[in-house]
N, C-alpha and C. Protein backbone atom coordinates (compact mmCIF):
# COMPACT_ATOMS: atom_id res chain seq x y z
N UNK A 1 -64.80 168.69 -57.22
CA UNK A 1 -65.74 169.61 -57.77
C UNK A 1 -65.58 170.98 -57.01
N UNK A 2 -65.81 172.00 -57.77
CA UNK A 2 -65.66 173.35 -57.17
C UNK A 2 -67.02 173.70 -56.59
N UNK A 3 -66.99 174.69 -55.68
CA UNK A 3 -68.19 175.12 -54.99
C UNK A 3 -69.30 175.53 -55.88
N UNK A 4 -69.01 176.27 -56.90
CA UNK A 4 -70.09 176.67 -57.87
C UNK A 4 -70.73 175.46 -58.58
N UNK A 5 -69.86 174.47 -58.94
CA UNK A 5 -70.44 173.22 -59.52
C UNK A 5 -71.36 172.52 -58.53
N UNK A 6 -70.95 172.54 -57.21
CA UNK A 6 -71.78 171.89 -56.22
C UNK A 6 -73.11 172.60 -56.08
N UNK A 7 -73.12 173.94 -56.15
CA UNK A 7 -74.36 174.66 -56.10
C UNK A 7 -75.30 174.33 -57.25
N UNK A 8 -74.77 174.26 -58.42
CA UNK A 8 -75.52 173.91 -59.64
C UNK A 8 -76.15 172.52 -59.52
N UNK A 9 -75.23 171.60 -59.10
CA UNK A 9 -75.77 170.19 -58.91
C UNK A 9 -76.74 170.08 -57.84
N UNK A 10 -76.66 170.79 -56.76
CA UNK A 10 -77.58 170.79 -55.68
C UNK A 10 -78.98 171.29 -56.17
N UNK A 11 -78.94 172.31 -56.93
CA UNK A 11 -80.21 172.91 -57.47
C UNK A 11 -80.79 171.93 -58.46
N UNK A 12 -80.05 171.07 -59.11
CA UNK A 12 -80.57 170.10 -60.05
C UNK A 12 -80.93 168.78 -59.36
N UNK A 13 -80.83 168.75 -58.04
CA UNK A 13 -81.12 167.53 -57.28
C UNK A 13 -80.25 166.36 -57.73
N UNK A 14 -78.99 166.63 -58.02
CA UNK A 14 -77.99 165.62 -58.46
C UNK A 14 -77.06 165.20 -57.35
N UNK A 15 -77.22 165.68 -56.16
CA UNK A 15 -76.33 165.33 -55.11
C UNK A 15 -77.02 164.57 -53.89
N UNK A 16 -76.35 163.64 -53.34
CA UNK A 16 -76.80 163.00 -52.14
C UNK A 16 -76.40 163.75 -50.88
N UNK A 17 -76.69 163.16 -49.70
CA UNK A 17 -76.23 163.76 -48.50
C UNK A 17 -74.73 163.88 -48.47
N UNK A 18 -74.19 165.14 -48.17
CA UNK A 18 -72.81 165.32 -48.16
C UNK A 18 -72.14 164.63 -46.95
N UNK A 19 -70.91 164.07 -47.06
CA UNK A 19 -70.23 163.49 -45.97
C UNK A 19 -68.95 164.24 -45.69
N UNK A 20 -68.70 164.57 -44.39
CA UNK A 20 -67.48 165.31 -43.98
C UNK A 20 -66.70 164.28 -43.24
N UNK A 21 -65.43 164.12 -43.69
CA UNK A 21 -64.56 163.10 -43.24
C UNK A 21 -63.27 163.73 -42.61
N UNK A 22 -62.84 163.19 -41.47
CA UNK A 22 -61.64 163.64 -40.79
C UNK A 22 -60.45 163.10 -41.55
N UNK A 23 -59.55 164.03 -42.02
CA UNK A 23 -58.30 163.69 -42.69
C UNK A 23 -57.14 164.23 -41.93
N UNK A 24 -55.93 163.90 -42.19
CA UNK A 24 -54.82 164.47 -41.54
C UNK A 24 -54.78 165.98 -41.87
N UNK A 25 -54.81 166.78 -40.84
CA UNK A 25 -54.74 168.24 -41.08
C UNK A 25 -56.10 168.96 -41.11
N UNK A 26 -57.21 168.18 -41.11
CA UNK A 26 -58.45 168.88 -41.30
C UNK A 26 -59.61 168.00 -41.67
N UNK A 27 -60.59 168.55 -42.33
CA UNK A 27 -61.82 167.90 -42.78
C UNK A 27 -62.05 168.04 -44.29
N UNK A 28 -62.50 167.00 -44.85
CA UNK A 28 -62.79 166.96 -46.36
C UNK A 28 -64.22 166.68 -46.60
N UNK A 29 -64.86 167.32 -47.62
CA UNK A 29 -66.21 167.18 -47.93
C UNK A 29 -66.35 166.35 -49.22
N UNK A 30 -67.18 165.32 -49.16
CA UNK A 30 -67.44 164.44 -50.31
C UNK A 30 -68.92 164.63 -50.67
N UNK A 31 -69.12 164.86 -51.98
CA UNK A 31 -70.47 165.10 -52.55
C UNK A 31 -70.79 164.09 -53.60
N UNK A 32 -71.25 162.88 -53.21
CA UNK A 32 -71.65 161.90 -54.20
C UNK A 32 -72.99 162.19 -54.81
N UNK A 33 -73.29 161.57 -55.90
CA UNK A 33 -74.53 161.75 -56.53
C UNK A 33 -74.48 161.34 -58.01
N UNK A 34 -75.43 161.76 -58.75
CA UNK A 34 -75.57 161.42 -60.15
C UNK A 34 -74.80 162.42 -61.06
N UNK A 35 -73.52 162.42 -60.94
CA UNK A 35 -72.67 163.30 -61.68
C UNK A 35 -71.37 162.56 -61.99
N UNK A 36 -70.63 163.10 -62.93
CA UNK A 36 -69.34 162.45 -63.26
C UNK A 36 -68.09 163.31 -62.81
N UNK A 37 -68.33 164.27 -61.94
CA UNK A 37 -67.26 165.04 -61.40
C UNK A 37 -66.55 164.45 -60.25
N UNK A 38 -65.42 164.92 -59.91
CA UNK A 38 -64.71 164.49 -58.65
C UNK A 38 -65.69 164.72 -57.51
N UNK A 39 -65.89 163.73 -56.71
CA UNK A 39 -66.81 163.88 -55.58
C UNK A 39 -66.35 164.76 -54.41
N UNK A 40 -64.99 165.01 -54.30
CA UNK A 40 -64.63 165.83 -53.23
C UNK A 40 -64.64 167.33 -53.61
N UNK A 41 -64.86 168.17 -52.59
CA UNK A 41 -64.90 169.65 -52.78
C UNK A 41 -63.48 170.05 -52.98
N UNK A 42 -63.27 170.89 -54.05
CA UNK A 42 -61.92 171.33 -54.39
C UNK A 42 -61.75 172.88 -54.26
N UNK A 43 -60.53 173.31 -54.27
CA UNK A 43 -60.21 174.67 -54.29
C UNK A 43 -60.31 175.08 -55.73
N UNK A 44 -60.14 176.42 -56.03
CA UNK A 44 -60.24 176.92 -57.41
C UNK A 44 -59.06 176.40 -58.25
N UNK A 45 -57.95 175.93 -57.55
CA UNK A 45 -56.82 175.42 -58.30
C UNK A 45 -56.90 173.93 -58.56
N UNK A 46 -58.00 173.29 -58.04
CA UNK A 46 -58.18 171.91 -58.31
C UNK A 46 -57.59 170.98 -57.21
N UNK A 47 -57.22 171.50 -56.10
CA UNK A 47 -56.73 170.69 -55.01
C UNK A 47 -57.85 170.38 -54.04
N UNK A 48 -57.80 169.32 -53.36
CA UNK A 48 -58.79 168.96 -52.38
C UNK A 48 -58.85 170.07 -51.38
N UNK A 49 -60.10 170.48 -51.13
CA UNK A 49 -60.27 171.66 -50.10
C UNK A 49 -60.31 171.01 -48.70
N UNK A 50 -59.37 171.49 -47.92
CA UNK A 50 -59.21 171.02 -46.56
C UNK A 50 -59.64 172.10 -45.58
N UNK A 51 -60.70 171.75 -44.77
CA UNK A 51 -61.23 172.68 -43.83
C UNK A 51 -60.52 172.41 -42.46
N UNK A 52 -60.05 173.46 -41.81
CA UNK A 52 -59.37 173.30 -40.50
C UNK A 52 -60.37 172.86 -39.33
N UNK A 53 -61.65 173.34 -39.52
CA UNK A 53 -62.62 173.10 -38.53
C UNK A 53 -63.93 172.50 -39.21
N UNK A 54 -64.52 171.59 -38.46
CA UNK A 54 -65.73 170.96 -39.10
C UNK A 54 -66.86 171.90 -39.24
N UNK A 55 -67.00 172.89 -38.37
CA UNK A 55 -68.08 173.85 -38.41
C UNK A 55 -67.91 174.72 -39.74
N UNK A 56 -66.70 174.96 -40.18
CA UNK A 56 -66.48 175.74 -41.39
C UNK A 56 -66.96 174.91 -42.63
N UNK A 57 -66.76 173.64 -42.64
CA UNK A 57 -67.23 172.78 -43.69
C UNK A 57 -68.74 172.69 -43.70
N UNK A 58 -69.34 172.54 -42.51
CA UNK A 58 -70.79 172.53 -42.36
C UNK A 58 -71.42 173.88 -42.90
N UNK A 59 -70.84 174.95 -42.51
CA UNK A 59 -71.27 176.27 -42.92
C UNK A 59 -71.30 176.45 -44.46
N UNK A 60 -70.27 175.93 -45.18
CA UNK A 60 -70.22 176.05 -46.63
C UNK A 60 -71.31 175.16 -47.19
N UNK A 61 -71.55 174.08 -46.63
CA UNK A 61 -72.67 173.13 -47.11
C UNK A 61 -74.05 173.74 -46.93
N UNK A 62 -74.21 174.41 -45.78
CA UNK A 62 -75.53 175.02 -45.56
C UNK A 62 -75.71 176.19 -46.49
N UNK A 63 -74.63 176.93 -46.85
CA UNK A 63 -74.66 177.98 -47.87
C UNK A 63 -75.17 177.50 -49.15
N UNK A 64 -74.64 176.29 -49.57
CA UNK A 64 -75.03 175.62 -50.80
C UNK A 64 -76.52 175.34 -50.82
N UNK A 65 -77.05 175.00 -49.63
CA UNK A 65 -78.51 174.73 -49.53
C UNK A 65 -78.79 173.43 -48.82
N UNK A 66 -77.80 172.61 -48.46
CA UNK A 66 -78.06 171.37 -47.72
C UNK A 66 -78.70 171.65 -46.38
N UNK A 67 -79.62 170.77 -45.94
CA UNK A 67 -80.16 170.96 -44.61
C UNK A 67 -79.54 170.08 -43.59
N UNK A 68 -78.79 169.06 -44.06
CA UNK A 68 -78.17 168.09 -43.17
C UNK A 68 -76.90 167.55 -43.77
N UNK A 69 -75.99 167.12 -42.92
CA UNK A 69 -74.78 166.46 -43.36
C UNK A 69 -74.41 165.30 -42.43
N UNK A 70 -73.57 164.42 -42.90
CA UNK A 70 -73.01 163.36 -42.07
C UNK A 70 -71.59 163.53 -41.89
N UNK A 71 -71.15 163.45 -40.63
CA UNK A 71 -69.78 163.59 -40.22
C UNK A 71 -69.21 162.31 -39.82
N UNK A 72 -68.05 161.93 -40.36
CA UNK A 72 -67.41 160.65 -40.12
C UNK A 72 -66.02 160.95 -39.55
N UNK A 73 -65.71 160.44 -38.41
CA UNK A 73 -64.41 160.81 -37.76
C UNK A 73 -63.35 159.86 -38.16
């Protein structure tokens, strides 16, 4: 899902706690919930968005409106 879709779903209370997972080369955000979209955060081109630093991923999620995240190494 794209960031704008995540913002809309967050405002509709359709997302659960986000999970940030360590992947090769960076960090990936998963946004599960009551939706039928791809649960991973994507770039505008539809590729999985890979964050180089975990604090960048957390910052984006806080901008969306989340007050907490779960990080899995």
